[in-house]
């Protein structure tokens, strides 16, 4: 009787794999079919470019920052130096407009911070300090005429007017950018920036 239930030697020595019938993935409903692994496409985040409304805002803010610096500059310059001052003013406005068009975040910071700097013209301390630094740089570089006296409008050379304006404007724009970025860190305008950037990514 025990011999009837003893497995044969051929069955006992058979590999385990041979006892399992081979079933293809396509015929077995309990096995997920093999499919090639497809990697997710690389997602690149590009900064949101500026909008026409932001550019218009920058022009308004830039013009609102001119009264005190132009008044100080006109009191210290004459002739060719005023031409250099005009050239520097136009160049600064164009640079700010390029920033507003290239990056919405930077343009918004520059515009909102520029509005805050424009309000400081009531006391004009930042404008006065930036202007004095600009005059010192022009004098140190020898671009102002030799007999230049800050107490009178004796700067007549256009390079001196250009460099003084560029240094003064760059300092004030840097201050505006810093204030605007601080506003964003504190949460002012962050919702609008996120909305604009999400619209860009969806497109």
C-alpha atoms as a PDB file:
ATOM      1  CA  UNK A   1       0.000   0.000   0.000  1.00  0.00           C
ATOM      2  CA  UNK A   2       2.799   2.422   0.789  1.00  0.00           C
ATOM      3  CA  UNK A   3       4.260   1.832  -2.621  1.00  0.00           C
ATOM      4  CA  UNK A   4       1.117   3.264  -4.225  1.00  0.00           C
ATOM      5  CA  UNK A   5       1.628   6.706  -2.664  1.00  0.00           C
ATOM      6  CA  UNK A   6       5.416   6.867  -3.087  1.00  0.00           C
ATOM      7  CA  UNK A   7       6.246   9.352  -5.805  1.00  0.00           C
ATOM      8  CA  UNK A   8       8.233   7.969  -8.606  1.00  0.00           C
ATOM      9  CA  UNK A   9      11.883   8.821  -8.782  1.00  0.00           C
ATOM     10  CA  UNK A  10      11.392  10.730 -12.010  1.00  0.00           C
ATOM     11  CA  UNK A  11       8.736  12.901 -10.402  1.00  0.00           C
ATOM     12  CA  UNK A  12      10.788  13.408  -7.229  1.00  0.00           C
ATOM     13  CA  UNK A  13      13.846  14.522  -9.150  1.00  0.00           C
ATOM     14  CA  UNK A  14      11.910  16.815 -11.462  1.00  0.00           C
ATOM     15  CA  UNK A  15      12.815  20.534 -11.041  1.00  0.00           C
ATOM     16  CA  UNK A  16      10.215  22.756  -9.458  1.00  0.00           C
ATOM     17  CA  UNK A  17       9.985  24.877 -12.551  1.00  0.00           C
ATOM     18  CA  UNK A  18       8.858  21.872 -14.520  1.00  0.00           C
ATOM     19  CA  UNK A  19       5.888  21.346 -12.192  1.00  0.00           C
ATOM     20  CA  UNK A  20       4.545  24.856 -12.878  1.00  0.00           C
ATOM     21  CA  UNK A  21       2.869  25.277 -16.230  1.00  0.00           C
ATOM     22  CA  UNK A  22       4.116  28.233 -18.153  1.00  0.00           C
ATOM     23  CA  UNK A  23       1.394  30.814 -18.640  1.00  0.00           C
ATOM     24  CA  UNK A  24       1.980  33.883 -20.738  1.00  0.00           C
ATOM     25  CA  UNK A  25       1.142  37.308 -19.403  1.00  0.00           C
ATOM     26  CA  UNK A  26      -1.406  37.804 -22.138  1.00  0.00           C
ATOM     27  CA  UNK A  27      -3.413  34.681 -21.197  1.00  0.00           C
ATOM     28  CA  UNK A  28      -3.254  35.172 -17.414  1.00  0.00           C
ATOM     29  CA  UNK A  29      -5.742  37.813 -16.264  1.00  0.00           C
ATOM     30  CA  UNK A  30      -4.105  38.019 -12.806  1.00  0.00           C
ATOM     31  CA  UNK A  31      -0.682  39.099 -14.103  1.00  0.00           C
ATOM     32  CA  UNK A  32      -0.146  42.614 -15.344  1.00  0.00           C
ATOM     33  CA  UNK A  33       1.224  42.630 -18.868  1.00  0.00           C
ATOM     34  CA  UNK A  34       4.798  43.662 -19.271  1.00  0.00           C
ATOM     35  CA  UNK A  35       5.095  47.183 -20.584  1.00  0.00           C
ATOM     36  CA  UNK A  36       8.162  49.252 -21.343  1.00  0.00           C
ATOM     37  CA  UNK A  37       9.069  51.785 -18.673  1.00  0.00           C
ATOM     38  CA  UNK A  38       8.546  55.251 -20.013  1.00  0.00           C
ATOM     39  CA  UNK A  39      10.371  57.985 -18.156  1.00  0.00           C
ATOM     40  CA  UNK A  40       8.496  61.154 -17.392  1.00  0.00           C
ATOM     41  CA  UNK A  41       9.309  64.017 -19.696  1.00  0.00           C
ATOM     42  CA  UNK A  42      11.700  66.531 -18.232  1.00  0.00           C
ATOM     43  CA  UNK A  43       9.893  69.560 -16.912  1.00  0.00           C
ATOM     44  CA  UNK A  44      11.679  72.845 -17.316  1.00  0.00           C
ATOM     45  CA  UNK A  45      10.581  75.961 -15.513  1.00  0.00           C
ATOM     46  CA  UNK A  46      11.115  79.197 -17.360  1.00  0.00           C
ATOM     47  CA  UNK A  47      10.711  82.568 -15.684  1.00  0.00           C
ATOM     48  CA  UNK A  48       7.544  84.348 -16.603  1.00  0.00           C
ATOM     49  CA  UNK A  49       8.206  87.197 -18.989  1.00  0.00           C
ATOM     50  CA  UNK A  50       6.832  90.627 -18.298  1.00  0.00           C
ATOM     51  CA  UNK A  51       3.476  91.897 -19.438  1.00  0.00           C
ATOM     52  CA  UNK A  52       2.595  95.157 -21.228  1.00  0.00           C
ATOM     53  CA  UNK A  53       0.825  96.331 -18.083  1.00  0.00           C
ATOM     54  CA  UNK A  54       3.999  95.812 -16.048  1.00  0.00           C
ATOM     55  CA  UNK A  55       6.007  97.782 -18.604  1.00  0.00           C
ATOM     56  CA  UNK A  56       3.533 100.664 -18.430  1.00  0.00           C
ATOM     57  CA  UNK A  57       3.755 100.546 -14.647  1.00  0.00           C
ATOM     58  CA  UNK A  58       7.541 100.747 -14.840  1.00  0.00           C
ATOM     59  CA  UNK A  59       7.396 103.818 -17.099  1.00  0.00           C
ATOM     60  CA  UNK A  60       5.065 105.573 -14.655  1.00  0.00           C
ATOM     61  CA  UNK A  61       7.207 104.678 -11.640  1.00  0.00           C
ATOM     62  CA  UNK A  62      10.416 105.658 -13.439  1.00  0.00           C
ATOM     63  CA  UNK A  63       9.040 109.075 -14.343  1.00  0.00           C
ATOM     64  CA  UNK A  64       7.795 109.586 -10.792  1.00  0.00           C
ATOM     65  CA  UNK A  65      11.368 109.102  -9.533  1.00  0.00           C
ATOM     66  CA  UNK A  66      12.849 111.846 -11.730  1.00  0.00           C
ATOM     67  CA  UNK A  67      11.841 115.184 -10.112  1.00  0.00           C
ATOM     68  CA  UNK A  68      14.370 115.353  -7.249  1.00  0.00           C
ATOM     69  CA  UNK A  69      17.350 113.777  -9.098  1.00  0.00           C
ATOM     70  CA  UNK A  70      16.746 116.005 -12.121  1.00  0.00           C
ATOM     71  CA  UNK A  71      16.512 119.056  -9.868  1.00  0.00           C
ATOM     72  CA  UNK A  72      19.793 118.175  -8.157  1.00  0.00           C
ATOM     73  CA  UNK A  73      21.470 117.364 -11.466  1.00  0.00           C
ATOM     74  CA  UNK A  74      20.337 120.545 -13.148  1.00  0.00           C
ATOM     75  CA  UNK A  75      21.683 122.581 -10.242  1.00  0.00           C
ATOM     76  CA  UNK A  76      25.160 121.040 -10.649  1.00  0.00           C
ATOM     77  CA  UNK A  77      25.501 120.840 -14.429  1.00  0.00           C
ATOM     78  CA  UNK A  78      25.284 122.938 -17.514  1.00  0.00           C
ATOM     79  CA  UNK A  79      25.983 122.596 -21.207  1.00  0.00           C
ATOM     80  CA  UNK A  80      27.346 119.215 -22.258  1.00  0.00           C
ATOM     81  CA  UNK A  81      26.975 117.739 -18.780  1.00  0.00           C
ATOM     82  CA  UNK A  82      23.204 118.094 -19.052  1.00  0.00           C
ATOM     83  CA  UNK A  83      23.307 116.224 -22.357  1.00  0.00           C
ATOM     84  CA  UNK A  84      25.182 113.409 -20.623  1.00  0.00           C
ATOM     85  CA  UNK A  85      22.635 113.478 -17.807  1.00  0.00           C
ATOM     86  CA  UNK A  86      19.802 113.112 -20.338  1.00  0.00           C
ATOM     87  CA  UNK A  87      21.575 110.217 -22.059  1.00  0.00           C
ATOM     88  CA  UNK A  88      22.075 108.438 -18.741  1.00  0.00           C
ATOM     89  CA  UNK A  89      18.437 108.922 -17.753  1.00  0.00           C
ATOM     90  CA  UNK A  90      17.173 107.421 -21.007  1.00  0.00           C
ATOM     91  CA  UNK A  91      19.587 104.506 -20.716  1.00  0.00           C
ATOM     92  CA  UNK A  92      18.464 103.721 -17.160  1.00  0.00           C
ATOM     93  CA  UNK A  93      14.832 103.750 -18.234  1.00  0.00           C
ATOM     94  CA  UNK A  94      15.571 101.328 -21.074  1.00  0.00           C
ATOM     95  CA  UNK A  95      17.493  98.972 -18.785  1.00  0.00           C
ATOM     96  CA  UNK A  96      14.599  98.910 -16.335  1.00  0.00           C
ATOM     97  CA  UNK A  97      12.177  98.209 -19.172  1.00  0.00           C
ATOM     98  CA  UNK A  98      14.318  95.276 -20.348  1.00  0.00           C
ATOM     99  CA  UNK A  99      14.285  93.809 -16.846  1.00  0.00           C
ATOM    100  CA  UNK A 100      10.499  94.145 -16.737  1.00  0.00           C
ATOM    101  CA  UNK A 101      10.161  92.323 -20.036  1.00  0.00           C
ATOM    102  CA  UNK A 102      12.614  89.533 -19.265  1.00  0.00           C
ATOM    103  CA  UNK A 103      11.293  88.533 -15.839  1.00  0.00           C
ATOM    104  CA  UNK A 104       7.894  89.215 -14.313  1.00  0.00           C
ATOM    105  CA  UNK A 105       9.191  88.639 -10.789  1.00  0.00           C
ATOM    106  CA  UNK A 106      12.137  91.029 -11.156  1.00  0.00           C
ATOM    107  CA  UNK A 107      10.062  93.582 -13.026  1.00  0.00           C
ATOM    108  CA  UNK A 108       7.370  93.542 -10.360  1.00  0.00           C
ATOM    109  CA  UNK A 109       9.982  93.942  -7.619  1.00  0.00           C
ATOM    110  CA  UNK A 110      11.622  96.822  -9.473  1.00  0.00           C
ATOM    111  CA  UNK A 111       8.287  98.558 -10.011  1.00  0.00           C
ATOM    112  CA  UNK A 112       6.876  98.157  -6.517  1.00  0.00           C
ATOM    113  CA  UNK A 113      10.195  99.021  -4.912  1.00  0.00           C
ATOM    114  CA  UNK A 114      10.544 101.980  -7.263  1.00  0.00           C
ATOM    115  CA  UNK A 115       7.232 103.296  -6.034  1.00  0.00           C
ATOM    116  CA  UNK A 116       8.522 103.141  -2.464  1.00  0.00           C
ATOM    117  CA  UNK A 117      11.725 104.953  -3.481  1.00  0.00           C
ATOM    118  CA  UNK A 118       9.669 107.629  -5.237  1.00  0.00           C
ATOM    119  CA  UNK A 119       7.843 108.312  -1.983  1.00  0.00           C
ATOM    120  CA  UNK A 120      11.159 108.973  -0.252  1.00  0.00           C
ATOM    121  CA  UNK A 121      11.584 112.107  -2.383  1.00  0.00           C
ATOM    122  CA  UNK A 122       9.690 113.880   0.365  1.00  0.00           C
ATOM    123  CA  UNK A 123      12.889 113.784   2.438  1.00  0.00           C
ATOM    124  CA  UNK A 124      15.225 113.048  -0.534  1.00  0.00           C
ATOM    125  CA  UNK A 125      17.870 111.392   1.632  1.00  0.00           C
ATOM    126  CA  UNK A 126      18.451 108.367  -0.687  1.00  0.00           C
ATOM    127  CA  UNK A 127      18.529 110.622  -3.737  1.00  0.00           C
ATOM    128  CA  UNK A 128      21.012 113.039  -2.132  1.00  0.00           C
ATOM    129  CA  UNK A 129      23.339 110.248  -0.991  1.00  0.00           C
ATOM    130  CA  UNK A 130      23.242 108.475  -4.358  1.00  0.00           C
ATOM    131  CA  UNK A 131      23.916 111.762  -6.161  1.00  0.00           C
ATOM    132  CA  UNK A 132      26.926 112.549  -3.980  1.00  0.00           C
ATOM    133  CA  UNK A 133      28.350 109.078  -4.615  1.00  0.00           C
ATOM    134  CA  UNK A 134      27.861 109.628  -8.339  1.00  0.00           C
ATOM    135  CA  UNK A 135      29.717 112.961  -8.168  1.00  0.00           C
ATOM    136  CA  UNK A 136      32.581 111.394  -6.240  1.00  0.00           C
ATOM    137  CA  UNK A 137      32.907 108.591  -8.809  1.00  0.00           C
ATOM    138  CA  UNK A 138      32.977 111.076 -11.701  1.00  0.00           C
ATOM    139  CA  UNK A 139      35.570 113.211  -9.949  1.00  0.00           C
ATOM    140  CA  UNK A 140      37.700 110.169  -9.045  1.00  0.00           C
ATOM    141  CA  UNK A 141      37.668 108.995 -12.664  1.00  0.00           C
ATOM    142  CA  UNK A 142      38.620 112.465 -13.887  1.00  0.00           C
ATOM    143  CA  UNK A 143      35.460 112.731 -15.975  1.00  0.00           C
ATOM    144  CA  UNK A 144      34.340 115.984 -14.393  1.00  0.00           C
ATOM    145  CA  UNK A 145      36.177 119.119 -15.420  1.00  0.00           C
ATOM    146  CA  UNK A 146      39.151 120.031 -13.242  1.00  0.00           C
ATOM    147  CA  UNK A 147      37.573 123.125 -11.709  1.00  0.00           C
ATOM    148  CA  UNK A 148      34.334 121.366 -10.775  1.00  0.00           C
ATOM    149  CA  UNK A 149      32.802 122.734  -7.613  1.00  0.00           C
ATOM    150  CA  UNK A 150      29.766 120.905  -6.153  1.00  0.00           C
ATOM    151  CA  UNK A 151      28.590 124.226  -4.720  1.00  0.00           C
ATOM    152  CA  UNK A 152      27.953 125.600  -8.227  1.00  0.00           C
ATOM    153  CA  UNK A 153      26.761 124.351 -11.591  1.00  0.00           C
ATOM    154  CA  UNK A 154      30.270 124.109 -12.988  1.00  0.00           C
ATOM    155  CA  UNK A 155      30.181 120.558 -14.425  1.00  0.00           C
ATOM    156  CA  UNK A 156      30.165 121.064 -18.168  1.00  0.00           C
ATOM    157  CA  UNK A 157      31.668 117.864 -19.624  1.00  0.00           C
ATOM    158  CA  UNK A 158      29.149 115.319 -20.930  1.00  0.00           C
ATOM    159  CA  UNK A 159      31.070 112.220 -19.680  1.00  0.00           C
ATOM    160  CA  UNK A 160      30.840 113.562 -16.149  1.00  0.00           C
ATOM    161  CA  UNK A 161      27.106 114.105 -16.467  1.00  0.00           C
ATOM    162  CA  UNK A 162      26.631 110.651 -17.991  1.00  0.00           C
ATOM    163  CA  UNK A 163      28.632 108.746 -15.367  1.00  0.00           C
ATOM    164  CA  UNK A 164      27.152 110.695 -12.475  1.00  0.00           C
ATOM    165  CA  UNK A 165      23.633 109.933 -13.711  1.00  0.00           C
ATOM    166  CA  UNK A 166      24.373 106.257 -14.310  1.00  0.00           C
ATOM    167  CA  UNK A 167      25.907 105.763 -10.865  1.00  0.00           C
ATOM    168  CA  UNK A 168      23.106 107.668  -9.149  1.00  0.00           C
ATOM    169  CA  UNK A 169      20.358 105.859 -11.037  1.00  0.00           C
ATOM    170  CA  UNK A 170      21.948 102.436 -10.567  1.00  0.00           C
ATOM    171  CA  UNK A 171      22.109 102.936  -6.821  1.00  0.00           C
ATOM    172  CA  UNK A 172      18.479 104.035  -6.650  1.00  0.00           C
ATOM    173  CA  UNK A 173      17.333 101.175  -8.897  1.00  0.00           C
ATOM    174  CA  UNK A 174      19.272  98.723  -6.745  1.00  0.00           C
ATOM    175  CA  UNK A 175      17.543 100.112  -3.683  1.00  0.00           C
ATOM    176  CA  UNK A 176      14.178  99.783  -5.420  1.00  0.00           C
ATOM    177  CA  UNK A 177      14.904  96.188  -6.422  1.00  0.00           C
ATOM    178  CA  UNK A 178      15.933  95.277  -2.881  1.00  0.00           C
ATOM    179  CA  UNK A 179      12.773  96.787  -1.413  1.00  0.00           C
ATOM    180  CA  UNK A 180      10.608  95.048  -4.004  1.00  0.00           C
ATOM    181  CA  UNK A 181      12.187  91.646  -3.357  1.00  0.00           C
ATOM    182  CA  UNK A 182      11.720  92.186   0.366  1.00  0.00           C
ATOM    183  CA  UNK A 183       8.029  92.825  -0.271  1.00  0.00           C
ATOM    184  CA  UNK A 184       7.820  89.512  -2.136  1.00  0.00           C
ATOM    185  CA  UNK A 185       9.560  87.640   0.678  1.00  0.00           C
ATOM    186  CA  UNK A 186       7.033  89.100   3.102  1.00  0.00           C
ATOM    187  CA  UNK A 187       4.212  87.884   0.869  1.00  0.00           C
ATOM    188  CA  UNK A 188       3.157  91.037  -0.940  1.00  0.00           C
ATOM    189  CA  UNK A 189       2.331  90.152  -4.543  1.00  0.00           C
ATOM    190  CA  UNK A 190       3.293  86.481  -4.145  1.00  0.00           C
ATOM    191  CA  UNK A 191      -0.195  85.254  -5.035  1.00  0.00           C
ATOM    192  CA  UNK A 192      -0.191  87.258  -8.235  1.00  0.00           C
ATOM    193  CA  UNK A 193       3.272  85.982  -9.164  1.00  0.00           C
ATOM    194  CA  UNK A 194       2.254  82.352  -8.557  1.00  0.00           C
ATOM    195  CA  UNK A 195      -0.884  82.807 -10.648  1.00  0.00           C
ATOM    196  CA  UNK A 196       1.065  84.284 -13.549  1.00  0.00           C
ATOM    197  CA  UNK A 197       3.731  81.550 -13.397  1.00  0.00           C
ATOM    198  CA  UNK A 198       1.088  78.801 -13.234  1.00  0.00           C
ATOM    199  CA  UNK A 199      -0.583  80.213 -16.320  1.00  0.00           C
ATOM    200  CA  UNK A 200       2.775  80.172 -18.093  1.00  0.00           C
ATOM    201  CA  UNK A 201       3.453  76.519 -17.172  1.00  0.00           C
ATOM    202  CA  UNK A 202      -0.039  75.437 -18.277  1.00  0.00           C
ATOM    203  CA  UNK A 203       0.509  77.052 -21.648  1.00  0.00           C
END
